[in-house]
Amino acid sequence: MLYDAGFKSNGRFYAQSSAMLGMIPKHYRKGGLHEVLYFAVAECSLGTVLVASSEKGVASILLGDEPDTLVRDLQDRFPKAELIGADADYEQSIAKVIGFIEDPNRGLDLPLDVRGTAFQQRVWQALRQIPAGETATYAEVAQKIGQPTAIRAVAGACAANHIAIAIPCHRVIRNDGSLSGYRWGIDRKRSLLSREGKDN
């Protein structure tokens, strides 16, 4: 059961929120002005993956089919940042991300640089409390953050997530247990849940 795994524990929810590093709000609003982001693109079992990091941690994990599309997505998100193709040292980071994608149960031993509105960050913190192999409905997440009527807003925050898998929006499902939209495709969502031991 989801609640038995600790998802309902407000103490754990807030105690772990400080682990989510974030960009200075004014920099976020300015599209990464005066920032440097290192990025790399690689292939994995889910297709193409782009990983981008700031000095604080991983700022984006994007999934898709075409490298150029993912790079454009990164450019659109950080239009004023300096984007630098990563060197050999950065390969260790992307290797960790790919290993995490292939086996989400192993966890991701990298800091995150989480960027979003205050509401989005509350939702994303709640998502990180859903254990691998478990799921939650949008209504349960809304209840978790103390805004039970904000179900559509929760869905919007899931759709705005740019750190795939590390912020596991793929673990959020409809009230009837069916899979709903996923930024990177329903097939990828189904595959991730399957490899985590949750069949849908």
Foldseek 3Di string as FASTA:
>chain_A
DQVVLPLLPLVVLVVCLVLAAADDQVCQVVLNAPFEKEKEWDAAPQAIWMWIATPQWTEFIDDEHDPVVVVVVSCVSRVRYHYHYDDPVCVVQVVQVRVCLQAVLVPRPIGYHYDDDPVLSSLLSSQQSGHQLAAEELQVSCVSSPRNVCSVVSVVSQLVDRHDSNSDSLRYDHPVPHRDDHNHDPVSSQVRNVSSPHHD
